[in-house]
């Protein structure tokens, strides 16, 4: 979206983060990035094959992945 120009003409962007330890009724500002972070989550789903005549004996990894999604 940025490459297509959705931020063309935008000079500033503001974000807000609730900080429960801050003083009540105040707003604190800081230039630059603050409180940014990223987390990587890896989930391995293992299934078990079965036979079409006995689907209840299999463990379907697709169904499990759909529930996680």
N, C-alpha and C. Protein backbone atom coordinates (compact mmCIF):
# COMPACT_ATOMS: atom_id res chain seq x y z
N UNK A 1 0.82 -1.19 0.00
CA UNK A 1 0.00 0.00 0.00
C UNK A 1 0.87 1.25 0.00
N UNK A 2 1.96 1.20 0.74
CA UNK A 2 2.84 2.37 0.78
C UNK A 2 3.45 2.61 -0.59
N UNK A 3 3.88 1.53 -1.27
CA UNK A 3 4.43 1.68 -2.61
C UNK A 3 3.41 2.25 -3.58
N UNK A 4 2.15 1.98 -3.35
CA UNK A 4 1.09 2.50 -4.22
C UNK A 4 0.69 3.93 -3.87
N UNK A 5 1.24 4.47 -2.78
CA UNK A 5 1.03 5.87 -2.47
C UNK A 5 0.05 6.20 -1.37
N UNK A 6 -0.32 5.24 -0.54
CA UNK A 6 -1.33 5.54 0.49
C UNK A 6 -0.83 6.57 1.51
N UNK A 7 0.49 6.77 1.61
CA UNK A 7 1.01 7.77 2.55
C UNK A 7 1.56 9.00 1.85
N UNK A 8 1.32 9.13 0.54
CA UNK A 8 1.76 10.33 -0.17
C UNK A 8 1.13 11.56 0.47
N UNK A 9 1.94 12.54 0.78
CA UNK A 9 1.44 13.77 1.38
C UNK A 9 1.36 13.73 2.90
N UNK A 10 1.59 12.58 3.49
CA UNK A 10 1.56 12.46 4.96
C UNK A 10 2.90 12.93 5.51
N UNK A 11 2.86 13.89 6.40
CA UNK A 11 4.09 14.43 6.97
C UNK A 11 4.41 13.86 8.35
N UNK A 12 3.40 13.44 9.07
CA UNK A 12 3.62 12.92 10.42
C UNK A 12 2.62 11.81 10.71
N UNK A 13 3.05 10.88 11.56
CA UNK A 13 2.17 9.81 12.02
C UNK A 13 2.31 9.73 13.54
N UNK A 14 1.19 9.65 14.22
CA UNK A 14 1.20 9.57 15.67
C UNK A 14 0.57 8.25 16.11
N UNK A 15 1.10 7.69 17.16
CA UNK A 15 0.52 6.49 17.74
C UNK A 15 0.31 6.74 19.23
N UNK A 16 -0.56 5.96 19.81
CA UNK A 16 -0.82 6.10 21.24
C UNK A 16 -0.68 4.74 21.89
N UNK A 17 -0.13 4.74 23.06
CA UNK A 17 0.04 3.50 23.82
C UNK A 17 -0.37 3.78 25.26
N UNK A 18 -1.24 2.97 25.78
CA UNK A 18 -1.66 3.13 27.17
C UNK A 18 -0.50 2.73 28.08
N UNK A 19 -0.16 3.61 28.99
CA UNK A 19 0.92 3.33 29.93
C UNK A 19 0.36 3.49 31.34
N UNK A 20 -0.02 2.39 31.96
CA UNK A 20 -0.70 2.47 33.26
C UNK A 20 0.14 3.08 34.37
N UNK A 21 1.46 3.15 34.20
CA UNK A 21 2.30 3.74 35.25
C UNK A 21 2.50 5.23 35.07
N UNK A 22 1.97 5.79 33.97
CA UNK A 22 2.10 7.22 33.73
C UNK A 22 1.18 8.02 34.64
N UNK A 23 1.50 9.30 34.76
CA UNK A 23 0.70 10.18 35.60
C UNK A 23 -0.67 10.40 34.95
N UNK A 24 -1.71 10.34 35.75
CA UNK A 24 -3.08 10.51 35.26
C UNK A 24 -3.26 11.88 34.60
N UNK A 25 -3.99 11.92 33.52
CA UNK A 25 -4.34 13.14 32.78
C UNK A 25 -3.14 13.79 32.11
N UNK A 26 -2.11 13.03 31.80
CA UNK A 26 -0.95 13.59 31.10
C UNK A 26 -0.70 12.80 29.82
N UNK A 27 -0.05 13.46 28.89
CA UNK A 27 0.39 12.83 27.65
C UNK A 27 1.89 13.06 27.54
N UNK A 28 2.64 12.01 27.36
CA UNK A 28 4.08 12.12 27.19
C UNK A 28 4.41 11.91 25.72
N UNK A 29 5.36 12.67 25.22
CA UNK A 29 5.76 12.55 23.82
C UNK A 29 7.26 12.32 23.74
N UNK A 30 7.66 11.65 22.65
CA UNK A 30 9.07 11.38 22.42
C UNK A 30 9.27 11.34 20.92
N UNK A 31 10.32 11.92 20.46
CA UNK A 31 10.65 11.87 19.04
C UNK A 31 11.22 10.50 18.69
N UNK A 32 10.83 9.97 17.57
CA UNK A 32 11.36 8.68 17.13
C UNK A 32 10.53 7.52 17.62
N UNK A 33 11.03 6.33 17.32
CA UNK A 33 10.30 5.10 17.69
C UNK A 33 10.37 4.87 19.19
N UNK A 34 9.30 4.26 19.70
CA UNK A 34 9.24 3.96 21.14
C UNK A 34 8.32 2.77 21.35
N UNK A 35 8.73 1.87 22.18
CA UNK A 35 7.93 0.72 22.58
C UNK A 35 7.57 -0.20 21.41
N UNK A 36 8.39 -0.20 20.40
CA UNK A 36 8.13 -1.11 19.29
C UNK A 36 8.79 -2.44 19.61
N UNK A 37 8.18 -3.49 19.16
CA UNK A 37 8.76 -4.80 19.39
C UNK A 37 8.15 -5.80 18.46
N UNK A 38 8.79 -6.90 18.35
CA UNK A 38 8.28 -7.96 17.51
C UNK A 38 8.47 -9.30 18.19
N UNK A 39 7.62 -10.19 17.87
CA UNK A 39 7.69 -11.52 18.45
C UNK A 39 7.52 -12.53 17.35
N UNK A 40 8.32 -13.55 17.40
CA UNK A 40 8.19 -14.64 16.43
C UNK A 40 7.59 -15.83 17.16
N UNK A 41 6.56 -16.38 16.59
CA UNK A 41 5.89 -17.54 17.15
C UNK A 41 5.99 -18.67 16.14
N UNK A 42 6.47 -19.80 16.58
CA UNK A 42 6.56 -20.97 15.72
C UNK A 42 5.68 -22.06 16.32
N UNK A 43 4.77 -22.57 15.52
CA UNK A 43 3.88 -23.63 15.96
C UNK A 43 4.03 -24.80 15.00
N UNK A 44 4.39 -25.93 15.52
CA UNK A 44 4.48 -27.15 14.72
C UNK A 44 3.24 -27.99 14.97
N UNK A 45 2.55 -28.32 13.90
CA UNK A 45 1.34 -29.13 13.99
C UNK A 45 1.66 -30.48 13.37
N UNK A 46 1.43 -31.53 14.13
CA UNK A 46 1.69 -32.87 13.63
C UNK A 46 0.37 -33.63 13.54
N UNK A 47 0.19 -34.30 12.44
CA UNK A 47 -1.02 -35.08 12.25
C UNK A 47 -0.71 -36.57 12.16
N UNK A 48 -1.74 -37.33 11.95
CA UNK A 48 -1.58 -38.78 11.79
C UNK A 48 -2.56 -39.22 10.72
N UNK A 49 -2.03 -39.87 9.72
CA UNK A 49 -2.87 -40.33 8.62
C UNK A 49 -3.87 -41.39 9.07
N UNK A 50 -4.85 -41.59 8.24
CA UNK A 50 -5.86 -42.59 8.53
C UNK A 50 -6.42 -43.14 7.24
N UNK A 51 -7.52 -43.79 7.33
CA UNK A 51 -8.17 -44.39 6.17
C UNK A 51 -9.52 -43.72 5.98
N UNK A 52 -9.91 -43.57 4.71
CA UNK A 52 -11.17 -42.90 4.41
C UNK A 52 -12.37 -43.54 5.07
N UNK A 53 -12.29 -44.86 5.34
CA UNK A 53 -13.42 -45.54 5.97
C UNK A 53 -13.46 -45.34 7.48
N UNK A 54 -12.36 -44.81 8.06
CA UNK A 54 -12.29 -44.59 9.51
C UNK A 54 -11.65 -43.23 9.79
N UNK A 55 -12.30 -42.14 9.40
CA UNK A 55 -11.68 -40.83 9.60
C UNK A 55 -11.45 -40.47 11.07
N UNK A 56 -12.21 -41.06 11.94
CA UNK A 56 -12.06 -40.75 13.37
C UNK A 56 -10.75 -41.27 13.94
N UNK A 57 -10.08 -42.16 13.24
CA UNK A 57 -8.81 -42.69 13.74
C UNK A 57 -7.62 -41.86 13.29
N UNK A 58 -7.85 -40.83 12.48
CA UNK A 58 -6.75 -39.98 12.03
C UNK A 58 -6.71 -38.70 12.87
N UNK A 59 -5.61 -37.99 12.76
CA UNK A 59 -5.48 -36.67 13.39
C UNK A 59 -5.21 -35.71 12.24
N UNK A 60 -6.20 -34.90 11.91
CA UNK A 60 -6.14 -34.04 10.74
C UNK A 60 -5.41 -32.73 11.08
N UNK A 61 -4.20 -32.51 10.56
CA UNK A 61 -3.47 -31.28 10.87
C UNK A 61 -4.10 -30.04 10.23
N UNK A 62 -4.85 -30.22 9.16
CA UNK A 62 -5.50 -29.09 8.51
C UNK A 62 -6.57 -28.50 9.44
N UNK A 63 -7.36 -29.36 10.04
CA UNK A 63 -8.39 -28.89 10.97
C UNK A 63 -7.74 -28.16 12.15
N UNK A 64 -6.67 -28.70 12.70
CA UNK A 64 -5.99 -28.05 13.81
C UNK A 64 -5.46 -26.68 13.39
N UNK A 65 -4.86 -26.59 12.20
CA UNK A 65 -4.33 -25.32 11.72
C UNK A 65 -5.45 -24.29 11.53
N UNK A 66 -6.61 -24.74 11.07
CA UNK A 66 -7.74 -23.83 10.89
C UNK A 66 -8.22 -23.28 12.22
N UNK A 67 -8.23 -24.10 13.26
CA UNK A 67 -8.64 -23.61 14.59
C UNK A 67 -7.65 -22.58 15.11
N UNK A 68 -6.36 -22.82 14.86
CA UNK A 68 -5.35 -21.85 15.31
C UNK A 68 -5.51 -20.55 14.54
N UNK A 69 -5.76 -20.67 13.26
CA UNK A 69 -5.89 -19.47 12.42
C UNK A 69 -7.05 -18.63 12.91
